């Protein structure tokens, strides 16, 4: 009898162990299901924005405004993450990421975007834009919209134009007062043909280079100088490696806020509208802020020892006249009809 009772106890104990195991397995299964559900893409969409610009630049603040609007309007369903300072690579690498669908968005110069939409080269034509307001009218008007649409066949969607601003010349060799002073100077440019040809016409030796490599190149004396808007130079402390700045205003530099078409096409119409409106509002905010900050950026350079030269009207005419043939040189690459339309828009809005 005792033996039989012992057998019953053993069987009961085994059943309890089996039940516990089944219970534990069910709990694990439930946990996995819950985790899968919580990480479902239906719950939250993430837009990563890459930028080579400094995280204190007005462009970064523009991306923050974009993030703020989207996250508010979607109730957090869409989250925006900003990666500045070239964390995700140089401009070309990030643009290719958008095309392949491995990155959602990028803030990038239209000079780079022109590699995928050639009529955007018109924005790079030297001394084309006389002031910010004229630039805004052209960019936000029919021409800006038309050339922006060209990116879509390259799996890119232009959401809005922000701005880097007017580009200025710096070097570490001598004060530049006239075109002849530029002869032989190695000047870093963006990897865009109009910029290269512009500096050739001015007698310099242009050296195309990614922005992420620029500071080190100046520091090591690989190049003599470069050209960028005040914000880039102040935020990235170019005053540590450059002494002379000449206020040339030779090119106005728009910045495209671009999103992956592959990613964008997967969103609902409502979410697309929210993102587009957020970009337009953020661009307006960033432009205004950039204009306000420009004098502060300039003062930062002065306070840190840079010598700033303002060109005389005669010298400005000399620079402009030396580069006018570039309009004809790039007429075919831009597209003659696009160039004519661009120039007509400029005339329409010039003060």
C-alpha atoms as a PDB file:
ATOM      1  CA  UNK A   1       0.000   0.000   0.000  1.00  0.00           C
ATOM      2  CA  UNK A   2       2.815   2.383   0.879  1.00  0.00           C
ATOM      3  CA  UNK A   3       4.450   1.527  -2.419  1.00  0.00           C
ATOM      4  CA  UNK A   4       1.244   2.342  -4.267  1.00  0.00           C
ATOM      5  CA  UNK A   5       0.858   5.640  -2.385  1.00  0.00           C
ATOM      6  CA  UNK A   6       4.446   6.547  -3.243  1.00  0.00           C
ATOM      7  CA  UNK A   7       3.761   5.901  -6.904  1.00  0.00           C
ATOM      8  CA  UNK A   8       0.711   8.172  -6.813  1.00  0.00           C
ATOM      9  CA  UNK A   9       2.746  10.955  -5.190  1.00  0.00           C
ATOM     10  CA  UNK A  10       5.472  10.602  -7.830  1.00  0.00           C
ATOM     11  CA  UNK A  11       2.934  10.785 -10.649  1.00  0.00           C
ATOM     12  CA  UNK A  12       1.313  13.884  -9.129  1.00  0.00           C
ATOM     13  CA  UNK A  13       4.687  15.554  -8.721  1.00  0.00           C
ATOM     14  CA  UNK A  14       5.521  14.844 -12.369  1.00  0.00           C
ATOM     15  CA  UNK A  15       2.196  16.302 -13.476  1.00  0.00           C
ATOM     16  CA  UNK A  16       2.860  19.473 -11.472  1.00  0.00           C
ATOM     17  CA  UNK A  17       6.301  19.870 -13.100  1.00  0.00           C
ATOM     18  CA  UNK A  18       4.744  19.430 -16.561  1.00  0.00           C
ATOM     19  CA  UNK A  19       1.999  21.972 -15.808  1.00  0.00           C
ATOM     20  CA  UNK A  20       4.585  24.457 -14.566  1.00  0.00           C
ATOM     21  CA  UNK A  21       6.612  23.980 -17.724  1.00  0.00           C
ATOM     22  CA  UNK A  22       3.530  24.496 -19.896  1.00  0.00           C
ATOM     23  CA  UNK A  23       2.619  27.571 -17.909  1.00  0.00           C
ATOM     24  CA  UNK A  24       6.145  28.948 -18.268  1.00  0.00           C
ATOM     25  CA  UNK A  25       6.089  28.280 -22.023  1.00  0.00           C
ATOM     26  CA  UNK A  26       2.783  30.102 -22.391  1.00  0.00           C
ATOM     27  CA  UNK A  27       4.136  33.081 -20.469  1.00  0.00           C
ATOM     28  CA  UNK A  28       7.165  33.242 -22.741  1.00  0.00           C
ATOM     29  CA  UNK A  29       4.930  33.007 -25.788  1.00  0.00           C
ATOM     30  CA  UNK A  30       2.719  35.781 -24.451  1.00  0.00           C
ATOM     31  CA  UNK A  31       5.749  37.958 -23.721  1.00  0.00           C
ATOM     32  CA  UNK A  32       7.103  37.505 -27.233  1.00  0.00           C
ATOM     33  CA  UNK A  33       3.729  38.361 -28.732  1.00  0.00           C
ATOM     34  CA  UNK A  34       3.520  41.494 -26.595  1.00  0.00           C
ATOM     35  CA  UNK A  35       7.025  42.554 -27.573  1.00  0.00           C
ATOM     36  CA  UNK A  36       6.306  41.986 -31.242  1.00  0.00           C
ATOM     37  CA  UNK A  37       3.177  44.044 -30.923  1.00  0.00           C
ATOM     38  CA  UNK A  38       4.934  46.911 -29.116  1.00  0.00           C
ATOM     39  CA  UNK A  39       7.662  47.105 -31.767  1.00  0.00           C
ATOM     40  CA  UNK A  40       5.233  46.937 -34.658  1.00  0.00           C
ATOM     41  CA  UNK A  41       5.858  49.648 -37.300  1.00  0.00           C
ATOM     42  CA  UNK A  42       2.154  50.427 -37.105  1.00  0.00           C
ATOM     43  CA  UNK A  43       2.700  51.857 -33.626  1.00  0.00           C
ATOM     44  CA  UNK A  44       5.482  54.352 -34.456  1.00  0.00           C
ATOM     45  CA  UNK A  45       7.274  55.507 -37.572  1.00  0.00           C
ATOM     46  CA  UNK A  46      10.784  56.972 -37.277  1.00  0.00           C
ATOM     47  CA  UNK A  47      12.194  59.605 -39.646  1.00  0.00           C
ATOM     48  CA  UNK A  48      15.966  59.904 -39.336  1.00  0.00           C
ATOM     49  CA  UNK A  49      17.346  63.184 -40.737  1.00  0.00           C
ATOM     50  CA  UNK A  50      21.038  63.361 -41.620  1.00  0.00           C
ATOM     51  CA  UNK A  51      23.041  66.581 -41.990  1.00  0.00           C
ATOM     52  CA  UNK A  52      26.707  67.554 -42.309  1.00  0.00           C
ATOM     53  CA  UNK A  53      25.989  70.859 -40.585  1.00  0.00           C
ATOM     54  CA  UNK A  54      26.753  71.717 -36.975  1.00  0.00           C
ATOM     55  CA  UNK A  55      24.147  70.970 -34.300  1.00  0.00           C
ATOM     56  CA  UNK A  56      24.135  74.647 -33.269  1.00  0.00           C
ATOM     57  CA  UNK A  57      23.448  75.897 -36.803  1.00  0.00           C
ATOM     58  CA  UNK A  58      20.079  77.445 -37.675  1.00  0.00           C
ATOM     59  CA  UNK A  59      19.575  74.507 -40.040  1.00  0.00           C
ATOM     60  CA  UNK A  60      19.618  72.154 -37.051  1.00  0.00           C
ATOM     61  CA  UNK A  61      17.077  74.401 -35.345  1.00  0.00           C
ATOM     62  CA  UNK A  62      14.977  74.207 -38.499  1.00  0.00           C
ATOM     63  CA  UNK A  63      15.055  70.410 -38.331  1.00  0.00           C
ATOM     64  CA  UNK A  64      14.066  70.633 -34.657  1.00  0.00           C
ATOM     65  CA  UNK A  65      11.047  72.737 -35.658  1.00  0.00           C
ATOM     66  CA  UNK A  66      10.171  70.109 -38.300  1.00  0.00           C
ATOM     67  CA  UNK A  67      10.402  67.418 -35.601  1.00  0.00           C
ATOM     68  CA  UNK A  68       8.302  69.429 -33.133  1.00  0.00           C
ATOM     69  CA  UNK A  69       5.462  69.995 -35.612  1.00  0.00           C
ATOM     70  CA  UNK A  70       5.337  66.410 -36.875  1.00  0.00           C
ATOM     71  CA  UNK A  71       5.412  64.780 -33.456  1.00  0.00           C
ATOM     72  CA  UNK A  72       2.711  67.140 -32.215  1.00  0.00           C
ATOM     73  CA  UNK A  73       0.456  66.760 -35.267  1.00  0.00           C
ATOM     74  CA  UNK A  74       0.725  62.953 -35.284  1.00  0.00           C
ATOM     75  CA  UNK A  75       0.447  62.552 -31.516  1.00  0.00           C
ATOM     76  CA  UNK A  76       3.871  60.928 -31.466  1.00  0.00           C
ATOM     77  CA  UNK A  77       2.970  58.300 -34.057  1.00  0.00           C
ATOM     78  CA  UNK A  78       5.772  59.667 -36.222  1.00  0.00           C
ATOM     79  CA  UNK A  79       9.048  60.322 -34.413  1.00  0.00           C
ATOM     80  CA  UNK A  80      11.882  62.406 -35.875  1.00  0.00           C
ATOM     81  CA  UNK A  81      15.551  61.832 -35.010  1.00  0.00           C
ATOM     82  CA  UNK A  82      18.224  64.352 -36.109  1.00  0.00           C
ATOM     83  CA  UNK A  83      21.828  63.337 -36.795  1.00  0.00           C
ATOM     84  CA  UNK A  84      24.041  66.397 -37.373  1.00  0.00           C
ATOM     85  CA  UNK A  85      27.813  66.914 -37.782  1.00  0.00           C
ATOM     86  CA  UNK A  86      28.098  64.314 -40.552  1.00  0.00           C
ATOM     87  CA  UNK A  87      27.284  61.424 -38.209  1.00  0.00           C
ATOM     88  CA  UNK A  88      25.609  59.510 -41.041  1.00  0.00           C
ATOM     89  CA  UNK A  89      28.238  60.302 -43.682  1.00  0.00           C
ATOM     90  CA  UNK A  90      28.825  62.982 -46.298  1.00  0.00           C
ATOM     91  CA  UNK A  91      26.100  64.476 -48.499  1.00  0.00           C
ATOM     92  CA  UNK A  92      26.441  62.018 -51.373  1.00  0.00           C
ATOM     93  CA  UNK A  93      26.407  59.002 -49.059  1.00  0.00           C
ATOM     94  CA  UNK A  94      23.231  60.213 -47.346  1.00  0.00           C
ATOM     95  CA  UNK A  95      21.446  61.012 -50.607  1.00  0.00           C
ATOM     96  CA  UNK A  96      22.222  57.517 -51.869  1.00  0.00           C
ATOM     97  CA  UNK A  97      20.841  56.196 -48.561  1.00  0.00           C
ATOM     98  CA  UNK A  98      17.545  57.921 -49.360  1.00  0.00           C
ATOM     99  CA  UNK A  99      17.470  56.331 -52.798  1.00  0.00           C
ATOM    100  CA  UNK A 100      18.071  52.858 -51.382  1.00  0.00           C
ATOM    101  CA  UNK A 101      15.613  53.383 -48.541  1.00  0.00           C
ATOM    102  CA  UNK A 102      18.208  52.983 -45.763  1.00  0.00           C
ATOM    103  CA  UNK A 103      17.757  56.597 -44.584  1.00  0.00           C
ATOM    104  CA  UNK A 104      14.525  58.591 -44.420  1.00  0.00           C
ATOM    105  CA  UNK A 105      15.558  62.254 -44.832  1.00  0.00           C
ATOM    106  CA  UNK A 106      18.484  64.599 -45.347  1.00  0.00           C
ATOM    107  CA  UNK A 107      19.152  68.333 -45.276  1.00  0.00           C
ATOM    108  CA  UNK A 108      21.497  68.994 -48.174  1.00  0.00           C
ATOM    109  CA  UNK A 109      22.700  71.771 -50.442  1.00  0.00           C
ATOM    110  CA  UNK A 110      20.939  72.097 -53.787  1.00  0.00           C
ATOM    111  CA  UNK A 111      24.460  72.195 -55.258  1.00  0.00           C
ATOM    112  CA  UNK A 112      24.711  68.486 -54.411  1.00  0.00           C
ATOM    113  CA  UNK A 113      21.120  67.750 -55.430  1.00  0.00           C
ATOM    114  CA  UNK A 114      21.945  69.110 -58.882  1.00  0.00           C
ATOM    115  CA  UNK A 115      23.795  65.844 -59.500  1.00  0.00           C
ATOM    116  CA  UNK A 116      20.328  64.260 -59.634  1.00  0.00           C
ATOM    117  CA  UNK A 117      18.338  67.269 -60.929  1.00  0.00           C
ATOM    118  CA  UNK A 118      20.656  69.260 -63.265  1.00  0.00           C
ATOM    119  CA  UNK A 119      18.396  72.374 -63.578  1.00  0.00           C
ATOM    120  CA  UNK A 120      19.206  73.044 -59.903  1.00  0.00           C
ATOM    121  CA  UNK A 121      22.640  74.095 -61.169  1.00  0.00           C
ATOM    122  CA  UNK A 122      20.956  77.396 -61.982  1.00  0.00           C
ATOM    123  CA  UNK A 123      20.972  78.214 -58.256  1.00  0.00           C
ATOM    124  CA  UNK A 124      24.794  77.977 -58.322  1.00  0.00           C
ATOM    125  CA  UNK A 125      25.286  80.547 -61.072  1.00  0.00           C
ATOM    126  CA  UNK A 126      27.589  83.276 -59.721  1.00  0.00           C
ATOM    127  CA  UNK A 127      25.995  86.542 -58.629  1.00  0.00           C
ATOM    128  CA  UNK A 128      22.528  85.389 -59.764  1.00  0.00           C
ATOM    129  CA  UNK A 129      20.564  86.269 -56.615  1.00  0.00           C
ATOM    130  CA  UNK A 130      20.853  89.891 -55.474  1.00  0.00           C
ATOM    131  CA  UNK A 131      19.268  89.289 -52.056  1.00  0.00           C
ATOM    132  CA  UNK A 132      17.417  86.782 -49.865  1.00  0.00           C
ATOM    133  CA  UNK A 133      13.926  87.943 -50.759  1.00  0.00           C
ATOM    134  CA  UNK A 134      14.481  87.429 -54.476  1.00  0.00           C
ATOM    135  CA  UNK A 135      15.810  83.952 -53.726  1.00  0.00           C
ATOM    136  CA  UNK A 136      12.703  83.078 -51.691  1.00  0.00           C
ATOM    137  CA  UNK A 137      10.382  84.243 -54.462  1.00  0.00           C
ATOM    138  CA  UNK A 138      12.152  82.073 -57.046  1.00  0.00           C
ATOM    139  CA  UNK A 139      12.540  79.012 -54.807  1.00  0.00           C
ATOM    140  CA  UNK A 140       8.936  79.074 -53.573  1.00  0.00           C
ATOM    141  CA  UNK A 141       7.519  79.925 -56.977  1.00  0.00           C
ATOM    142  CA  UNK A 142       6.835  77.876 -60.126  1.00  0.00           C
ATOM    143  CA  UNK A 143      10.510  77.413 -61.004  1.00  0.00           C
ATOM    144  CA  UNK A 144      11.522  76.086 -57.578  1.00  0.00           C
ATOM    145  CA  UNK A 145       8.599  73.681 -57.512  1.00  0.00           C
ATOM    146  CA  UNK A 146       9.214  72.500 -61.077  1.00  0.00           C
ATOM    147  CA  UNK A 147      12.892  71.617 -60.608  1.00  0.00           C
ATOM    148  CA  UNK A 148      12.160  70.067 -57.216  1.00  0.00           C
ATOM    149  CA  UNK A 149       9.746  67.635 -58.882  1.00  0.00           C
ATOM    150  CA  UNK A 150      12.595  66.342 -61.057  1.00  0.00           C
ATOM    151  CA  UNK A 151      14.077  64.615 -58.007  1.00  0.00           C
ATOM    152  CA  UNK A 152      11.121  62.248 -57.762  1.00  0.00           C
ATOM    153  CA  UNK A 153      12.298  60.144 -60.698  1.00  0.00           C
ATOM    154  CA  UNK A 154      15.485  59.642 -58.665  1.00  0.00           C
ATOM    155  CA  UNK A 155      13.498  58.300 -55.680  1.00  0.00           C
ATOM    156  CA  UNK A 156      13.826  61.596 -53.804  1.00  0.00           C
ATOM    157  CA  UNK A 157      11.090  63.996 -52.687  1.00  0.00           C
ATOM    158  CA  UNK A 158      11.878  67.661 -52.046  1.00  0.00           C
ATOM    159  CA  UNK A 159       9.796  68.854 -49.098  1.00  0.00           C
ATOM    160  CA  UNK A 160      11.005  72.456 -48.824  1.00  0.00           C
ATOM    161  CA  UNK A 161      13.923  74.826 -49.357  1.00  0.00           C
ATOM    162  CA  UNK A 162      15.761  76.031 -46.265  1.00  0.00           C
ATOM    163  CA  UNK A 163      18.893  78.143 -46.569  1.00  0.00           C
ATOM    164  CA  UNK A 164      22.578  78.143 -45.776  1.00  0.00           C
ATOM    165  CA  UNK A 165      22.846  81.686 -47.095  1.00  0.00           C
ATOM    166  CA  UNK A 166      25.235  83.711 -49.213  1.00  0.00           C
ATOM    167  CA  UNK A 167      28.704  82.217 -49.553  1.00  0.00           C
ATOM    168  CA  UNK A 168      31.855  84.160 -48.657  1.00  0.00           C
ATOM    169  CA  UNK A 169      35.536  83.543 -49.400  1.00  0.00           C
ATOM    170  CA  UNK A 170      38.247  82.846 -46.815  1.00  0.00           C
ATOM    171  CA  UNK A 171      41.934  81.985 -47.046  1.00  0.00           C
ATOM    172  CA  UNK A 172      44.995  81.796 -44.839  1.00  0.00           C
ATOM    173  CA  UNK A 173      47.493  83.460 -47.176  1.00  0.00           C
ATOM    174  CA  UNK A 174      46.556  87.079 -47.853  1.00  0.00           C
ATOM    175  CA  UNK A 175      43.813  89.695 -48.028  1.00  0.00           C
ATOM    176  CA  UNK A 176      41.749  89.413 -51.212  1.00  0.00           C
ATOM    177  CA  UNK A 177      40.678  92.765 -52.651  1.00  0.00           C
ATOM    178  CA  UNK A 178      40.488  91.973 -56.353  1.00  0.00           C
ATOM    179  CA  UNK A 179      40.371  89.076 -58.807  1.00  0.00           C
ATOM    180  CA  UNK A 180      44.136  89.197 -59.369  1.00  0.00           C
ATOM    181  CA  UNK A 181      44.734  88.426 -55.680  1.00  0.00           C
ATOM    182  CA  UNK A 182      43.166  84.974 -56.169  1.00  0.00           C
ATOM    183  CA  UNK A 183      45.690  83.762 -58.730  1.00  0.00           C
ATOM    184  CA  UNK A 184      46.952  80.284 -57.839  1.00  0.00           C
ATOM    185  CA  UNK A 185      45.220  79.974 -54.455  1.00  0.00           C
ATOM    186  CA  UNK A 186      43.937  76.451 -53.712  1.00  0.00           C
ATOM    187  CA  UNK A 187      40.277  76.983 -52.842  1.00  0.00           C
ATOM    188  CA  UNK A 188      38.059  74.141 -51.636  1.00  0.00           C
ATOM    189  CA  UNK A 189      34.701  73.970 -53.388  1.00  0.00           C
ATOM    190  CA  UNK A 190      31.727  71.672 -53.225  1.00  0.00           C
ATOM    191  CA  UNK A 191      31.730  68.757 -55.643  1.00  0.00           C
ATOM    192  CA  UNK A 192      29.698  70.626 -58.235  1.00  0.00           C
ATOM    193  CA  UNK A 193      30.808  71.759 -61.725  1.00  0.00           C
ATOM    194  CA  UNK A 194      29.506  75.347 -61.598  1.00  0.00           C
ATOM    195  CA  UNK A 195      31.492  76.105 -58.445  1.00  0.00           C
ATOM    196  CA  UNK A 196      34.627  74.567 -59.933  1.00  0.00           C
ATOM    197  CA  UNK A 197      34.332  76.600 -63.136  1.00  0.00           C
ATOM    198  CA  UNK A 198      33.566  79.793 -61.204  1.00  0.00           C
ATOM    199  CA  UNK A 199      36.828  79.649 -59.273  1.00  0.00           C
ATOM    200  CA  UNK A 200      38.787  78.706 -62.374  1.00  0.00           C
ATOM    201  CA  UNK A 201      37.456  81.813 -64.089  1.00  0.00           C
ATOM    202  CA  UNK A 202      38.536  83.854 -61.079  1.00  0.00           C
ATOM    203  CA  UNK A 203      42.091  82.539 -61.390  1.00  0.00           C
ATOM    204  CA  UNK A 204      42.113  80.253 -58.352  1.00  0.00           C
ATOM    205  CA  UNK A 205      42.906  76.551 -58.234  1.00  0.00           C
ATOM    206  CA  UNK A 206      39.600  74.934 -57.127  1.00  0.00           C
ATOM    207  CA  UNK A 207      39.762  71.692 -55.146  1.00  0.00           C
ATOM    208  CA  UNK A 208      36.497  69.726 -54.765  1.00  0.00           C
ATOM    209  CA  UNK A 209      36.138  68.142 -51.333  1.00  0.00           C
ATOM    210  CA  UNK A 210      33.442  66.856 -48.987  1.00  0.00           C
ATOM    211  CA  UNK A 211      32.530  69.288 -46.220  1.00  0.00           C
ATOM    212  CA  UNK A 212      33.333  66.668 -43.578  1.00  0.00           C
ATOM    213  CA  UNK A 213      36.992  66.734 -44.722  1.00  0.00           C
ATOM    214  CA  UNK A 214      37.321  70.522 -44.986  1.00  0.00           C
ATOM    215  CA  UNK A 215      38.541  71.599 -41.529  1.00  0.00           C
ATOM    216  CA  UNK A 216      41.349  69.040 -41.468  1.00  0.00           C
ATOM    217  CA  UNK A 217      42.428  70.034 -44.985  1.00  0.00           C
ATOM    218  CA  UNK A 218      42.692  73.691 -43.923  1.00  0.00           C
ATOM    219  CA  UNK A 219      44.464  72.743 -40.712  1.00  0.00           C
ATOM    220  CA  UNK A 220      47.066  70.698 -42.577  1.00  0.00           C
ATOM    221  CA  UNK A 221      47.561  73.280 -45.331  1.00  0.00           C
ATOM    222  CA  UNK A 222      46.276  70.970 -48.069  1.00  0.00           C
ATOM    223  CA  UNK A 223      44.230  73.946 -49.295  1.00  0.00           C
ATOM    224  CA  UNK A 224      44.680  77.707 -48.865  1.00  0.00           C
ATOM    225  CA  UNK A 225      41.049  78.648 -48.501  1.00  0.00           C
ATOM    226  CA  UNK A 226      37.382  77.847 -48.962  1.00  0.00           C
ATOM    227  CA  UNK A 227      33.970  79.466 -49.466  1.00  0.00           C
ATOM    228  CA  UNK A 228      30.939  79.019 -47.226  1.00  0.00           C
ATOM    229  CA  UNK A 229      28.177  81.019 -45.547  1.00  0.00           C
ATOM    230  CA  UNK A 230      28.901  82.764 -42.240  1.00  0.00           C
ATOM    231  CA  UNK A 231      26.980  80.207 -40.197  1.00  0.00           C
ATOM    232  CA  UNK A 232      29.126  77.254 -41.260  1.00  0.00           C
ATOM    233  CA  UNK A 233      32.333  79.168 -40.668  1.00  0.00           C
ATOM    234  CA  UNK A 234      31.368  80.415 -37.216  1.00  0.00           C
ATOM    235  CA  UNK A 235      29.809  77.197 -35.925  1.00  0.00           C
ATOM    236  CA  UNK A 236      32.675  75.005 -37.158  1.00  0.00           C
ATOM    237  CA  UNK A 237      35.369  77.441 -35.943  1.00  0.00           C
ATOM    238  CA  UNK A 238      37.051  78.095 -39.274  1.00  0.00           C
ATOM    239  CA  UNK A 239      38.674  81.111 -37.590  1.00  0.00           C
ATOM    240  CA  UNK A 240      41.099  78.648 -35.981  1.00  0.00           C
ATOM    241  CA  UNK A 241      42.603  77.805 -39.383  1.00  0.00           C
ATOM    242  CA  UNK A 242      41.727  80.819 -41.605  1.00  0.00           C
ATOM    243  CA  UNK A 243      42.748  84.456 -41.183  1.00  0.00           C
ATOM    244  CA  UNK A 244      41.283  86.428 -44.103  1.00  0.00           C
ATOM    245  CA  UNK A 245      37.633  86.674 -45.142  1.00  0.00           C
ATOM    246  CA  UNK A 246      36.355  88.547 -48.196  1.00  0.00           C
ATOM    247  CA  UNK A 247      32.650  89.343 -48.323  1.00  0.00           C
ATOM    248  CA  UNK A 248      31.843  88.292 -51.881  1.00  0.00           C
ATOM    249  CA  UNK A 249      28.199  87.077 -51.715  1.00  0.00           C
ATOM    250  CA  UNK A 250      29.090  85.222 -54.915  1.00  0.00           C
ATOM    251  CA  UNK A 251      26.478  82.455 -54.559  1.00  0.00           C
ATOM    252  CA  UNK A 252      23.253  82.123 -52.580  1.00  0.00           C
ATOM    253  CA  UNK A 253      23.077  78.606 -51.161  1.00  0.00           C
ATOM    254  CA  UNK A 254      19.626  76.999 -50.723  1.00  0.00           C
ATOM    255  CA  UNK A 255      19.352  73.812 -48.663  1.00  0.00           C
ATOM    256  CA  UNK A 256      16.860  71.150 -49.670  1.00  0.00           C
ATOM    257  CA  UNK A 257      14.993  69.180 -47.032  1.00  0.00           C
ATOM    258  CA  UNK A 258      14.609  65.895 -48.903  1.00  0.00           C
ATOM    259  CA  UNK A 259      12.853  62.660 -47.989  1.00  0.00           C
ATOM    260  CA  UNK A 260      13.143  59.146 -49.420  1.00  0.00           C
ATOM    261  CA  UNK A 261      10.388  58.547 -51.990  1.00  0.00           C
ATOM    262  CA  UNK A 262      10.376  54.865 -51.084  1.00  0.00           C
ATOM    263  CA  UNK A 263       9.649  55.788 -47.465  1.00  0.00           C
ATOM    264  CA  UNK A 264       7.247  58.638 -48.305  1.00  0.00           C
ATOM    265  CA  UNK A 265       5.136  56.516 -50.653  1.00  0.00           C
ATOM    266  CA  UNK A 266       4.496  54.071 -47.809  1.00  0.00           C
ATOM    267  CA  UNK A 267       2.772  56.701 -45.665  1.00  0.00           C
ATOM    268  CA  UNK A 268      -0.905  57.578 -45.527  1.00  0.00           C
ATOM    269  CA  UNK A 269      -2.103  60.666 -47.398  1.00  0.00           C
ATOM    270  CA  UNK A 270      -2.804  62.339 -44.058  1.00  0.00           C
ATOM    271  CA  UNK A 271       0.750  61.727 -42.807  1.00  0.00           C
ATOM    272  CA  UNK A 272       2.229  62.929 -46.105  1.00  0.00           C
ATOM    273  CA  UNK A 273       0.307  66.183 -45.773  1.00  0.00           C
ATOM    274  CA  UNK A 274       1.463  66.678 -42.181  1.00  0.00           C
ATOM    275  CA  UNK A 275       5.109  66.105 -43.166  1.00  0.00           C
ATOM    276  CA  UNK A 276       4.930  68.435 -46.167  1.00  0.00           C
ATOM    277  CA  UNK A 277       3.251  71.237 -44.189  1.00  0.00           C
ATOM    278  CA  UNK A 278       5.733  70.786 -41.341  1.00  0.00           C
ATOM    279  CA  UNK A 279       8.644  71.154 -43.781  1.00  0.00           C
ATOM    280  CA  UNK A 280       7.260  74.366 -45.297  1.00  0.00           C
ATOM    281  CA  UNK A 281       6.612  75.885 -41.868  1.00  0.00           C
ATOM    282  CA  UNK A 282      10.036  74.807 -40.574  1.00  0.00           C
ATOM    283  CA  UNK A 283      11.737  76.289 -43.661  1.00  0.00           C
ATOM    284  CA  UNK A 284      10.074  79.656 -43.110  1.00  0.00           C
ATOM    285  CA  UNK A 285      11.139  79.598 -39.465  1.00  0.00           C
ATOM    286  CA  UNK A 286      14.733  78.631 -40.319  1.00  0.00           C
ATOM    287  CA  UNK A 287      15.162  81.296 -42.992  1.00  0.00           C
ATOM    288  CA  UNK A 288      14.019  84.058 -40.656  1.00  0.00           C
ATOM    289  CA  UNK A 289      16.269  82.757 -37.899  1.00  0.00           C
ATOM    290  CA  UNK A 290      19.248  82.495 -40.248  1.00  0.00           C
ATOM    291  CA  UNK A 291      18.903  86.117 -41.317  1.00  0.00           C
ATOM    292  CA  UNK A 292      18.717  87.201 -37.680  1.00  0.00           C
ATOM    293  CA  UNK A 293      21.772  85.143 -36.736  1.00  0.00           C
ATOM    294  CA  UNK A 294      23.932  86.122 -39.710  1.00  0.00           C
ATOM    295  CA  UNK A 295      25.340  89.283 -38.129  1.00  0.00           C
ATOM    296  CA  UNK A 296      26.032  87.343 -34.941  1.00  0.00           C
ATOM    297  CA  UNK A 297      27.936  84.704 -36.921  1.00  0.00           C
ATOM    298  CA  UNK A 298      29.954  87.418 -38.641  1.00  0.00           C
ATOM    299  CA  UNK A 299      30.788  89.052 -35.304  1.00  0.00           C
ATOM    300  CA  UNK A 300      31.930  85.704 -33.912  1.00  0.00           C
ATOM    301  CA  UNK A 301      34.485  85.471 -36.724  1.00  0.00           C
ATOM    302  CA  UNK A 302      35.695  89.019 -36.078  1.00  0.00           C
ATOM    303  CA  UNK A 303      35.912  88.455 -32.323  1.00  0.00           C
ATOM    304  CA  UNK A 304      38.092  85.420 -32.959  1.00  0.00           C
ATOM    305  CA  UNK A 305      40.600  87.284 -35.088  1.00  0.00           C
ATOM    306  CA  UNK A 306      39.420  87.002 -38.671  1.00  0.00           C
ATOM    307  CA  UNK A 307      40.096  90.013 -40.863  1.00  0.00           C
ATOM    308  CA  UNK A 308      37.028  90.860 -42.975  1.00  0.00           C
ATOM    309  CA  UNK A 309      37.322  92.742 -46.257  1.00  0.00           C
ATOM    310  CA  UNK A 310      34.306  94.302 -47.970  1.00  0.00           C
ATOM    311  CA  UNK A 311      34.782  94.588 -51.718  1.00  0.00           C
ATOM    312  CA  UNK A 312      34.345  97.942 -53.413  1.00  0.00           C
ATOM    313  CA  UNK A 313      31.535  98.254 -56.002  1.00  0.00           C
ATOM    314  CA  UNK A 314      34.203  98.231 -58.714  1.00  0.00           C
ATOM    315  CA  UNK A 315      35.722  95.007 -57.348  1.00  0.00           C
ATOM    316  CA  UNK A 316      32.295  93.344 -57.163  1.00  0.00           C
ATOM    317  CA  UNK A 317      31.696  94.239 -60.820  1.00  0.00           C
ATOM    318  CA  UNK A 318      35.112  92.782 -61.640  1.00  0.00           C
ATOM    319  CA  UNK A 319      34.238  89.474 -59.933  1.00  0.00           C
ATOM    320  CA  UNK A 320      30.820  89.354 -61.589  1.00  0.00           C
ATOM    321  CA  UNK A 321      32.113  90.204 -65.070  1.00  0.00           C
ATOM    322  CA  UNK A 322      34.865  87.574 -64.818  1.00  0.00           C
ATOM    323  CA  UNK A 323      32.258  84.833 -64.291  1.00  0.00           C
ATOM    324  CA  UNK A 324      29.431  85.841 -66.646  1.00  0.00           C
ATOM    325  CA  UNK A 325      30.502  83.403 -69.372  1.00  0.00           C
ATOM    326  CA  UNK A 326      29.580  80.549 -66.988  1.00  0.00           C
ATOM    327  CA  UNK A 327      25.887  81.166 -67.727  1.00  0.00           C
ATOM    328  CA  UNK A 328      26.441  80.199 -71.344  1.00  0.00           C
ATOM    329  CA  UNK A 329      28.904  77.419 -70.481  1.00  0.00           C
ATOM    330  CA  UNK A 330      26.291  75.577 -68.421  1.00  0.00           C
ATOM    331  CA  UNK A 331      23.261  76.491 -70.492  1.00  0.00           C
ATOM    332  CA  UNK A 332      23.002  73.011 -72.034  1.00  0.00           C
ATOM    333  CA  UNK A 333      23.638  71.157 -68.779  1.00  0.00           C
ATOM    334  CA  UNK A 334      21.020  73.195 -66.915  1.00  0.00           C
ATOM    335  CA  UNK A 335      18.700  73.037 -69.915  1.00  0.00           C
ATOM    336  CA  UNK A 336      18.196  76.131 -72.054  1.00  0.00           C
ATOM    337  CA  UNK A 337      14.479  76.338 -71.314  1.00  0.00           C
ATOM    338  CA  UNK A 338      15.093  75.981 -67.581  1.00  0.00           C
ATOM    339  CA  UNK A 339      17.818  78.634 -67.670  1.00  0.00           C
ATOM    340  CA  UNK A 340      15.608  81.076 -69.559  1.00  0.00           C
ATOM    341  CA  UNK A 341      12.782  80.457 -67.096  1.00  0.00           C
ATOM    342  CA  UNK A 342      15.151  80.956 -64.146  1.00  0.00           C
ATOM    343  CA  UNK A 343      16.503  84.239 -65.502  1.00  0.00           C
ATOM    344  CA  UNK A 344      12.981  85.468 -66.268  1.00  0.00           C
ATOM    345  CA  UNK A 345      11.945  84.693 -62.668  1.00  0.00           C
ATOM    346  CA  UNK A 346      14.945  86.620 -61.361  1.00  0.00           C
ATOM    347  CA  UNK A 347      14.040  89.675 -63.422  1.00  0.00           C
ATOM    348  CA  UNK A 348      10.453  89.440 -62.281  1.00  0.00           C
ATOM    349  CA  UNK A 349      11.329  89.566 -58.588  1.00  0.00           C
ATOM    350  CA  UNK A 350      14.451  91.745 -58.500  1.00  0.00           C
ATOM    351  CA  UNK A 351      13.866  94.970 -56.581  1.00  0.00           C
END
